[in-house]
Amino acid sequence: MYGAEAAARTYFHKSAVELDREEAALLAAAIVISAPHESGAAEPRLVQRQQLILRRMGVVAAPAL
């Protein structure tokens, strides 16, 4: 298991398809935050990035099939 699926199962104990918007945004935010394990300072940045992603999720339309 790799990528988003592995992260969803590790951090939320469920499949990636079962994640809600907030959980998915948190995983997406974690990708761009470098070395969050180095200090507690990364957590506020992670939450800020999550909130940015959530705002953008409301703006972006799903691609037409």
PDB file of N, CA and C in Angstrom:
ATOM      1  N   MET A   1       0.846  -1.163   0.000  1.00  0.00           N
ATOM      2  CA  MET A   1       0.000   0.000   0.000  1.00  0.00           C
ATOM      3  C   MET A   1       0.902   1.239   0.000  1.00  0.00           C
ATOM      4  N   TYR A   2       0.554   2.220  -0.846  1.00  0.00           N
ATOM      5  CA  TYR A   2       1.388   3.408  -0.999  1.00  0.00           C
ATOM      6  C   TYR A   2       0.536   4.669  -1.077  1.00  0.00           C
ATOM      7  N   GLY A   3       1.185   5.798  -0.955  1.00  0.00           N
ATOM      8  CA  GLY A   3       0.573   7.086  -1.216  1.00  0.00           C
ATOM      9  C   GLY A   3      -0.565   7.445  -0.281  1.00  0.00           C
ATOM     10  N   ALA A   4      -1.601   8.025  -0.876  1.00  0.00           N
ATOM     11  CA  ALA A   4      -2.741   8.528  -0.113  1.00  0.00           C
ATOM     12  C   ALA A   4      -3.457   7.406   0.646  1.00  0.00           C
ATOM     13  N   GLU A   5      -3.534   6.251   0.040  1.00  0.00           N
ATOM     14  CA  GLU A   5      -4.197   5.129   0.705  1.00  0.00           C
ATOM     15  C   GLU A   5      -3.452   4.732   1.980  1.00  0.00           C
ATOM     16  N   ALA A   6      -2.148   4.623   1.883  1.00  0.00           N
ATOM     17  CA  ALA A   6      -1.345   4.272   3.051  1.00  0.00           C
ATOM     18  C   ALA A   6      -1.445   5.343   4.123  1.00  0.00           C
ATOM     19  N   ALA A   7      -1.414   6.592   3.728  1.00  0.00           N
ATOM     20  CA  ALA A   7      -1.517   7.687   4.696  1.00  0.00           C
ATOM     21  C   ALA A   7      -2.887   7.692   5.376  1.00  0.00           C
ATOM     22  N   ALA A   8      -3.943   7.472   4.613  1.00  0.00           N
ATOM     23  CA  ALA A   8      -5.294   7.441   5.188  1.00  0.00           C
ATOM     24  C   ALA A   8      -5.424   6.325   6.206  1.00  0.00           C
ATOM     25  N   ARG A   9      -4.903   5.181   5.873  1.00  0.00           N
ATOM     26  CA  ARG A   9      -4.996   4.042   6.802  1.00  0.00           C
ATOM     27  C   ARG A   9      -4.114   4.256   8.036  1.00  0.00           C
ATOM     28  N   THR A  10      -2.949   4.864   7.846  1.00  0.00           N
ATOM     29  CA  THR A  10      -2.042   5.104   8.967  1.00  0.00           C
ATOM     30  C   THR A  10      -2.592   6.147   9.933  1.00  0.00           C
ATOM     31  N   TYR A  11      -3.070   7.265   9.405  1.00  0.00           N
ATOM     32  CA  TYR A  11      -3.454   8.383  10.266  1.00  0.00           C
ATOM     33  C   TYR A  11      -4.932   8.419  10.638  1.00  0.00           C
ATOM     34  N   PHE A  12      -5.790   7.855   9.785  1.00  0.00           N
ATOM     35  CA  PHE A  12      -7.230   7.925  10.060  1.00  0.00           C
ATOM     36  C   PHE A  12      -7.883   6.556  10.200  1.00  0.00           C
ATOM     37  N   HIS A  13      -7.105   5.495   9.997  1.00  0.00           N
ATOM     38  CA  HIS A  13      -7.581   4.115  10.159  1.00  0.00           C
ATOM     39  C   HIS A  13      -8.798   3.818   9.285  1.00  0.00           C
ATOM     40  N   LYS A  14      -8.755   4.348   8.064  1.00  0.00           N
ATOM     41  CA  LYS A  14      -9.791   4.037   7.073  1.00  0.00           C
ATOM     42  C   LYS A  14      -9.228   4.258   5.684  1.00  0.00           C
ATOM     43  N   SER A  15      -9.954   3.785   4.691  1.00  0.00           N
ATOM     44  CA  SER A  15      -9.528   3.892   3.307  1.00  0.00           C
ATOM     45  C   SER A  15      -9.576   5.348   2.840  1.00  0.00           C
ATOM     46  N   ALA A  16      -8.766   5.668   1.843  1.00  0.00           N
ATOM     47  CA  ALA A  16      -8.735   7.028   1.303  1.00  0.00           C
ATOM     48  C   ALA A  16     -10.099   7.450   0.757  1.00  0.00           C
ATOM     49  N   VAL A  17     -10.853   6.525   0.213  1.00  0.00           N
ATOM     50  CA  VAL A  17     -12.171   6.885  -0.329  1.00  0.00           C
ATOM     51  C   VAL A  17     -13.177   7.214   0.770  1.00  0.00           C
ATOM     52  N   GLU A  18     -12.866   6.846   2.000  1.00  0.00           N
ATOM     53  CA  GLU A  18     -13.760   7.118   3.122  1.00  0.00           C
ATOM     54  C   GLU A  18     -13.441   8.427   3.849  1.00  0.00           C
ATOM     55  N   LEU A  19     -12.369   9.097   3.453  1.00  0.00           N
ATOM     56  CA  LEU A  19     -11.988  10.341   4.116  1.00  0.00           C
ATOM     57  C   LEU A  19     -13.021  11.431   3.857  1.00  0.00           C
ATOM     58  N   ASP A  20     -13.256  12.267   4.872  1.00  0.00           N
ATOM     59  CA  ASP A  20     -14.113  13.427   4.641  1.00  0.00           C
ATOM     60  C   ASP A  20     -13.233  14.564   4.118  1.00  0.00           C
ATOM     61  N   ARG A  21     -13.852  15.689   3.794  1.00  0.00           N
ATOM     62  CA  ARG A  21     -13.121  16.821   3.217  1.00  0.00           C
ATOM     63  C   ARG A  21     -11.988  17.289   4.120  1.00  0.00           C
ATOM     64  N   GLU A  22     -12.242  17.389   5.409  1.00  0.00           N
ATOM     65  CA  GLU A  22     -11.233  17.890   6.341  1.00  0.00           C
ATOM     66  C   GLU A  22     -10.037  16.948   6.431  1.00  0.00           C
ATOM     67  N   GLU A  23     -10.300  15.652   6.467  1.00  0.00           N
ATOM     68  CA  GLU A  23      -9.217  14.676   6.541  1.00  0.00           C
ATOM     69  C   GLU A  23      -8.393  14.677   5.254  1.00  0.00           C
ATOM     70  N   ALA A  24      -9.069  14.715   4.108  1.00  0.00           N
ATOM     71  CA  ALA A  24      -8.367  14.738   2.823  1.00  0.00           C
ATOM     72  C   ALA A  24      -7.516  16.001   2.691  1.00  0.00           C
ATOM     73  N   ALA A  25      -8.063  17.131   3.122  1.00  0.00           N
ATOM     74  CA  ALA A  25      -7.317  18.387   3.062  1.00  0.00           C
ATOM     75  C   ALA A  25      -6.111  18.354   3.989  1.00  0.00           C
ATOM     76  N   LEU A  26      -6.250  17.722   5.140  1.00  0.00           N
ATOM     77  CA  LEU A  26      -5.126  17.622   6.068  1.00  0.00           C
ATOM     78  C   LEU A  26      -4.005  16.788   5.468  1.00  0.00           C
ATOM     79  N   LEU A  27      -4.345  15.697   4.809  1.00  0.00           N
ATOM     80  CA  LEU A  27      -3.317  14.893   4.152  1.00  0.00           C
ATOM     81  C   LEU A  27      -2.662  15.675   3.017  1.00  0.00           C
ATOM     82  N   ALA A  28      -3.456  16.392   2.241  1.00  0.00           N
ATOM     83  CA  ALA A  28      -2.899  17.199   1.152  1.00  0.00           C
ATOM     84  C   ALA A  28      -1.990  18.285   1.709  1.00  0.00           C
ATOM     85  N   ALA A  29      -2.378  18.888   2.815  1.00  0.00           N
ATOM     86  CA  ALA A  29      -1.560  19.936   3.433  1.00  0.00           C
ATOM     87  C   ALA A  29      -0.240  19.374   3.920  1.00  0.00           C
ATOM     88  N   ALA A  30      -0.254  18.162   4.428  1.00  0.00           N
ATOM     89  CA  ALA A  30       0.959  17.556   4.979  1.00  0.00           C
ATOM     90  C   ALA A  30       2.015  17.339   3.904  1.00  0.00           C
ATOM     91  N   ILE A  31       1.604  17.188   2.674  1.00  0.00           N
ATOM     92  CA  ILE A  31       2.549  16.969   1.579  1.00  0.00           C
ATOM     93  C   ILE A  31       3.462  18.173   1.403  1.00  0.00           C
ATOM     94  N   VAL A  32       2.917  19.368   1.541  1.00  0.00           N
ATOM     95  CA  VAL A  32       3.704  20.569   1.262  1.00  0.00           C
ATOM     96  C   VAL A  32       4.432  21.123   2.480  1.00  0.00           C
ATOM     97  N   ILE A  33       4.127  20.632   3.669  1.00  0.00           N
ATOM     98  CA  ILE A  33       4.810  21.098   4.875  1.00  0.00           C
ATOM     99  C   ILE A  33       6.056  20.244   5.054  1.00  0.00           C
ATOM    100  N   SER A  34       7.215  20.865   4.972  1.00  0.00           N
ATOM    101  CA  SER A  34       8.463  20.094   5.051  1.00  0.00           C
ATOM    102  C   SER A  34       8.819  19.780   6.500  1.00  0.00           C
ATOM    103  N   ALA A  35       9.228  18.578   6.727  1.00  0.00           N
ATOM    104  CA  ALA A  35       9.724  18.083   8.017  1.00  0.00           C
ATOM    105  C   ALA A  35       8.853  18.484   9.196  1.00  0.00           C
ATOM    106  N   PRO A  36       7.580  18.084   9.218  1.00  0.00           N
ATOM    107  CA  PRO A  36       6.726  18.468  10.332  1.00  0.00           C
ATOM    108  C   PRO A  36       7.156  17.865  11.673  1.00  0.00           C
ATOM    109  N   HIS A  37       8.007  16.864  11.650  1.00  0.00           N
ATOM    110  CA  HIS A  37       8.448  16.222  12.885  1.00  0.00           C
ATOM    111  C   HIS A  37       9.544  17.008  13.602  1.00  0.00           C
ATOM    112  N   GLU A  38      10.102  18.036  12.968  1.00  0.00           N
ATOM    113  CA  GLU A  38      11.224  18.759  13.559  1.00  0.00           C
ATOM    114  C   GLU A  38      10.830  19.618  14.747  1.00  0.00           C
ATOM    115  N   SER A  39       9.641  20.204  14.695  1.00  0.00           N
ATOM    116  CA  SER A  39       9.228  21.051  15.813  1.00  0.00           C
ATOM    117  C   SER A  39       7.721  21.155  15.853  1.00  0.00           C
ATOM    118  N   GLY A  40       7.224  21.645  16.965  1.00  0.00           N
ATOM    119  CA  GLY A  40       5.791  21.859  17.088  1.00  0.00           C
ATOM    120  C   GLY A  40       5.307  23.004  16.226  1.00  0.00           C
ATOM    121  N   ALA A  41       6.219  23.801  15.675  1.00  0.00           N
ATOM    122  CA  ALA A  41       5.842  24.955  14.853  1.00  0.00           C
ATOM    123  C   ALA A  41       5.184  24.528  13.548  1.00  0.00           C
ATOM    124  N   ALA A  42       5.408  23.307  13.118  1.00  0.00           N
ATOM    125  CA  ALA A  42       4.834  22.849  11.858  1.00  0.00           C
ATOM    126  C   ALA A  42       3.326  22.652  11.971  1.00  0.00           C
ATOM    127  N   GLU A  43       2.822  22.343  13.156  1.00  0.00           N
ATOM    128  CA  GLU A  43       1.388  22.073  13.299  1.00  0.00           C
ATOM    129  C   GLU A  43       0.519  23.266  12.929  1.00  0.00           C
ATOM    130  N   PRO A  44       0.804  24.493  13.408  1.00  0.00           N
ATOM    131  CA  PRO A  44      -0.021  25.631  12.968  1.00  0.00           C
ATOM    132  C   PRO A  44       0.038  25.838  11.458  1.00  0.00           C
ATOM    133  N   ARG A  45       1.215  25.634  10.864  1.00  0.00           N
ATOM    134  CA  ARG A  45       1.334  25.766   9.406  1.00  0.00           C
ATOM    135  C   ARG A  45       0.507  24.703   8.701  1.00  0.00           C
ATOM    136  N   LEU A  46       0.474  23.516   9.265  1.00  0.00           N
ATOM    137  CA  LEU A  46      -0.298  22.429   8.681  1.00  0.00           C
ATOM    138  C   LEU A  46      -1.787  22.768   8.695  1.00  0.00           C
ATOM    139  N   VAL A  47      -2.267  23.285   9.807  1.00  0.00           N
ATOM    140  CA  VAL A  47      -3.686  23.653   9.920  1.00  0.00           C
ATOM    141  C   VAL A  47      -4.003  24.823   8.987  1.00  0.00           C
ATOM    142  N   GLN A  48      -3.109  25.789   8.876  1.00  0.00           N
ATOM    143  CA  GLN A  48      -3.319  26.913   7.959  1.00  0.00           C
ATOM    144  C   GLN A  48      -3.414  26.414   6.526  1.00  0.00           C
ATOM    145  N   ARG A  49      -2.527  25.511   6.160  1.00  0.00           N
ATOM    146  CA  ARG A  49      -2.537  24.955   4.801  1.00  0.00           C
ATOM    147  C   ARG A  49      -3.813  24.146   4.568  1.00  0.00           C
ATOM    148  N   GLN A  50      -4.241  23.383   5.575  1.00  0.00           N
ATOM    149  CA  GLN A  50      -5.487  22.626   5.476  1.00  0.00           C
ATOM    150  C   GLN A  50      -6.655  23.564   5.196  1.00  0.00           C
ATOM    151  N   GLN A  51      -6.716  24.685   5.918  1.00  0.00           N
ATOM    152  CA  GLN A  51      -7.813  25.628   5.742  1.00  0.00           C
ATOM    153  C   GLN A  51      -7.787  26.239   4.348  1.00  0.00           C
ATOM    154  N   LEU A  52      -6.601  26.535   3.830  1.00  0.00           N
ATOM    155  CA  LEU A  52      -6.475  27.050   2.468  1.00  0.00           C
ATOM    156  C   LEU A  52      -7.006  26.033   1.464  1.00  0.00           C
ATOM    157  N   ILE A  53      -6.619  24.786   1.632  1.00  0.00           N
ATOM    158  CA  ILE A  53      -7.071  23.731   0.722  1.00  0.00           C
ATOM    159  C   ILE A  53      -8.584  23.572   0.804  1.00  0.00           C
ATOM    160  N   LEU A  54      -9.141  23.601   2.008  1.00  0.00           N
ATOM    161  CA  LEU A  54     -10.590  23.483   2.159  1.00  0.00           C
ATOM    162  C   LEU A  54     -11.316  24.634   1.457  1.00  0.00           C
ATOM    163  N   ARG A  55     -10.786  25.853   1.576  1.00  0.00           N
ATOM    164  CA  ARG A  55     -11.411  26.991   0.879  1.00  0.00           C
ATOM    165  C   ARG A  55     -11.376  26.773  -0.622  1.00  0.00           C
ATOM    166  N   ARG A  56     -10.256  26.295  -1.127  1.00  0.00           N
ATOM    167  CA  ARG A  56     -10.141  26.063  -2.560  1.00  0.00           C
ATOM    168  C   ARG A  56     -11.000  24.892  -3.032  1.00  0.00           C
ATOM    169  N   MET A  57     -11.222  23.928  -2.181  1.00  0.00           N
ATOM    170  CA  MET A  57     -12.074  22.795  -2.548  1.00  0.00           C
ATOM    171  C   MET A  57     -13.493  23.257  -2.823  1.00  0.00           C
ATOM    172  N   GLY A  58     -13.914  24.318  -2.177  1.00  0.00           N
ATOM    173  CA  GLY A  58     -15.255  24.841  -2.399  1.00  0.00           C
ATOM    174  C   GLY A  58     -15.363  25.633  -3.678  1.00  0.00           C
ATOM    175  N   VAL A  59     -14.221  26.039  -4.254  1.00  0.00           N
ATOM    176  CA  VAL A  59     -14.213  26.893  -5.435  1.00  0.00           C
ATOM    177  C   VAL A  59     -14.037  26.090  -6.706  1.00  0.00           C
ATOM    178  N   VAL A  60     -13.237  25.073  -6.656  1.00  0.00           N
ATOM    179  CA  VAL A  60     -12.886  24.301  -7.836  1.00  0.00           C
ATOM    180  C   VAL A  60     -14.003  23.337  -8.199  1.00  0.00           C
ATOM    181  N   ALA A  61     -14.395  23.355  -9.435  1.00  0.00           N
ATOM    182  CA  ALA A  61     -15.443  22.451  -9.915  1.00  0.00           C
ATOM    183  C   ALA A  61     -14.816  21.126 -10.332  1.00  0.00           C
ATOM    184  N   ALA A  62     -15.590  20.068 -10.192  1.00  0.00           N
ATOM    185  CA  ALA A  62     -15.139  18.753 -10.633  1.00  0.00           C
ATOM    186  C   ALA A  62     -15.024  18.743 -12.152  1.00  0.00           C
ATOM    187  N   PRO A  63     -14.049  18.018 -12.683  1.00  0.00           N
ATOM    188  CA  PRO A  63     -13.908  17.962 -14.140  1.00  0.00           C
ATOM    189  C   PRO A  63     -15.112  17.294 -14.793  1.00  0.00           C
ATOM    190  N   ALA A  64     -15.459  17.776 -15.945  1.00  0.00           N
ATOM    191  CA  ALA A  64     -16.565  17.186 -16.711  1.00  0.00           C
ATOM    192  C   ALA A  64     -16.131  15.846 -17.280  1.00  0.00           C
ATOM    193  N   LEU A  65     -17.019  14.886 -17.238  1.00  0.00           N
ATOM    194  CA  LEU A  65     -16.680  13.559 -17.767  1.00  0.00           C
ATOM    195  C   LEU A  65     -17.185  13.375 -19.163  1.00  0.00           C
TER     196      LEU A  65
END
